[in-house]
Amino acid sequence: MPKKNLKGIVVSAKMNNTAVISVEIMKEHPRYRKRYRVNRKYMADNPNNNYQEGDQVVIEECRPLSRHKRWRIIGQAT
């Protein structure tokens, strides 16, 4: 099974080697068919603190690194 990749924006990089990434997806209401935005935050591994707030990044699913971290930043989003 391939690993999931998500694109998002770094909203907090205050922790050491950890960043909080906000990922926005569009959902559709099952009955009314109106589309709406849903935001979800993920804690991701930020090795060497390379990424700062406001950067667009791609995160990849990985093994559990700590209590909350299950994602790793793999690079800048284009």
C-alpha atoms as a PDB file:
ATOM      1  CA  MET A   1       0.000   0.000   0.000  1.00  0.00           C
ATOM      2  CA  PRO A   2       1.533   3.366  -0.994  1.00  0.00           C
ATOM      3  CA  LYS A   3       2.120   6.105   1.550  1.00  0.00           C
ATOM      4  CA  LYS A   4      -0.265   9.065   1.557  1.00  0.00           C
ATOM      5  CA  ASN A   5       0.982  12.508   0.515  1.00  0.00           C
ATOM      6  CA  LEU A   6      -0.740  15.761   1.490  1.00  0.00           C
ATOM      7  CA  LYS A   7      -0.055  19.380   0.555  1.00  0.00           C
ATOM      8  CA  GLY A   8      -0.416  22.095   3.191  1.00  0.00           C
ATOM      9  CA  ILE A   9       0.910  25.258   4.819  1.00  0.00           C
ATOM     10  CA  VAL A  10       3.145  25.449   7.890  1.00  0.00           C
ATOM     11  CA  VAL A  11       1.175  27.288  10.583  1.00  0.00           C
ATOM     12  CA  SER A  12       3.624  26.791  13.472  1.00  0.00           C
ATOM     13  CA  ALA A  13       7.323  25.920  13.576  1.00  0.00           C
ATOM     14  CA  LYS A  14       8.041  26.871  17.200  1.00  0.00           C
ATOM     15  CA  MET A  15       8.834  23.339  18.358  1.00  0.00           C
ATOM     16  CA  ASN A  16      12.216  21.713  17.845  1.00  0.00           C
ATOM     17  CA  ASN A  17      12.174  19.365  14.807  1.00  0.00           C
ATOM     18  CA  THR A  18       8.357  19.562  14.600  1.00  0.00           C
ATOM     19  CA  ALA A  19       6.000  21.691  12.513  1.00  0.00           C
ATOM     20  CA  VAL A  20       2.217  21.973  12.476  1.00  0.00           C
ATOM     21  CA  ILE A  21       0.801  21.718   8.959  1.00  0.00           C
ATOM     22  CA  SER A  22      -2.713  22.884   8.010  1.00  0.00           C
ATOM     23  CA  VAL A  23      -4.215  20.871   5.143  1.00  0.00           C
ATOM     24  CA  GLU A  24      -7.345  22.153   3.390  1.00  0.00           C
ATOM     25  CA  ILE A  25      -9.654  19.809   1.488  1.00  0.00           C
ATOM     26  CA  MET A  26     -12.947  20.371  -0.322  1.00  0.00           C
ATOM     27  CA  LYS A  27     -15.913  18.207   0.708  1.00  0.00           C
ATOM     28  CA  GLU A  28     -19.358  17.964  -0.786  1.00  0.00           C
ATOM     29  CA  HIS A  29     -22.558  17.736   1.227  1.00  0.00           C
ATOM     30  CA  PRO A  30     -24.205  14.388   0.448  1.00  0.00           C
ATOM     31  CA  ARG A  31     -27.732  15.742   0.035  1.00  0.00           C
ATOM     32  CA  TYR A  32     -27.375  19.392  -1.037  1.00  0.00           C
ATOM     33  CA  ARG A  33     -24.218  18.961  -3.154  1.00  0.00           C
ATOM     34  CA  LYS A  34     -22.747  22.214  -1.847  1.00  0.00           C
ATOM     35  CA  ARG A  35     -18.972  22.137  -1.586  1.00  0.00           C
ATOM     36  CA  TYR A  36     -17.232  23.467   1.512  1.00  0.00           C
ATOM     37  CA  ARG A  37     -13.711  23.679   2.908  1.00  0.00           C
ATOM     38  CA  VAL A  38     -12.435  21.570   5.793  1.00  0.00           C
ATOM     39  CA  ASN A  39      -9.113  22.293   7.532  1.00  0.00           C
ATOM     40  CA  ARG A  40      -7.150  19.657   9.420  1.00  0.00           C
ATOM     41  CA  LYS A  41      -3.877  20.120  11.304  1.00  0.00           C
ATOM     42  CA  TYR A  42      -1.092  17.537  11.298  1.00  0.00           C
ATOM     43  CA  MET A  43       2.115  17.483  13.327  1.00  0.00           C
ATOM     44  CA  ALA A  44       5.009  16.590  11.054  1.00  0.00           C
ATOM     45  CA  ASP A  45       8.722  15.952  11.488  1.00  0.00           C
ATOM     46  CA  ASN A  46      10.719  19.042  10.453  1.00  0.00           C
ATOM     47  CA  PRO A  47      14.345  17.829  10.322  1.00  0.00           C
ATOM     48  CA  ASN A  48      16.935  20.543  11.055  1.00  0.00           C
ATOM     49  CA  ASN A  49      14.061  23.065  11.329  1.00  0.00           C
ATOM     50  CA  ASN A  50      14.305  23.796   7.583  1.00  0.00           C
ATOM     51  CA  TYR A  51      10.728  25.045   7.131  1.00  0.00           C
ATOM     52  CA  GLN A  52       9.204  28.144   8.709  1.00  0.00           C
ATOM     53  CA  GLU A  53       5.665  29.519   9.058  1.00  0.00           C
ATOM     54  CA  GLY A  54       3.958  30.272   5.760  1.00  0.00           C
ATOM     55  CA  ASP A  55       5.904  27.724   3.679  1.00  0.00           C
ATOM     56  CA  GLN A  56       3.901  25.407   1.428  1.00  0.00           C
ATOM     57  CA  VAL A  57       5.088  21.840   1.970  1.00  0.00           C
ATOM     58  CA  VAL A  58       4.294  18.243   1.062  1.00  0.00           C
ATOM     59  CA  ILE A  59       4.019  15.762   3.942  1.00  0.00           C
ATOM     60  CA  GLU A  60       4.220  11.986   3.756  1.00  0.00           C
ATOM     61  CA  GLU A  61       2.815   9.334   6.058  1.00  0.00           C
ATOM     62  CA  CYS A  62       5.428   7.450   8.104  1.00  0.00           C
ATOM     63  CA  ARG A  63       5.806   5.281  11.183  1.00  0.00           C
ATOM     64  CA  PRO A  64       4.921   6.852  14.557  1.00  0.00           C
ATOM     65  CA  LEU A  65       7.780   9.183  15.563  1.00  0.00           C
ATOM     66  CA  SER A  66       6.226  10.374  18.839  1.00  0.00           C
ATOM     67  CA  ARG A  67       2.834  10.579  20.521  1.00  0.00           C
ATOM     68  CA  HIS A  68       1.365  12.922  17.875  1.00  0.00           C
ATOM     69  CA  LYS A  69       3.806  12.794  14.931  1.00  0.00           C
ATOM     70  CA  ARG A  70       2.941  10.344  12.156  1.00  0.00           C
ATOM     71  CA  TRP A  71       3.950  12.514   9.189  1.00  0.00           C
ATOM     72  CA  ARG A  72       7.267  13.720   7.731  1.00  0.00           C
ATOM     73  CA  ILE A  73       7.911  16.807   5.580  1.00  0.00           C
ATOM     74  CA  ILE A  74       9.396  15.651   2.286  1.00  0.00           C
ATOM     75  CA  GLY A  75       9.792  18.973   0.473  1.00  0.00           C
ATOM     76  CA  GLN A  76       8.466  22.286  -0.763  1.00  0.00           C
ATOM     77  CA  ALA A  77       5.161  22.282  -2.661  1.00  0.00           C
ATOM     78  CA  THR A  78       5.152  23.738  -6.133  1.00  0.00           C
END
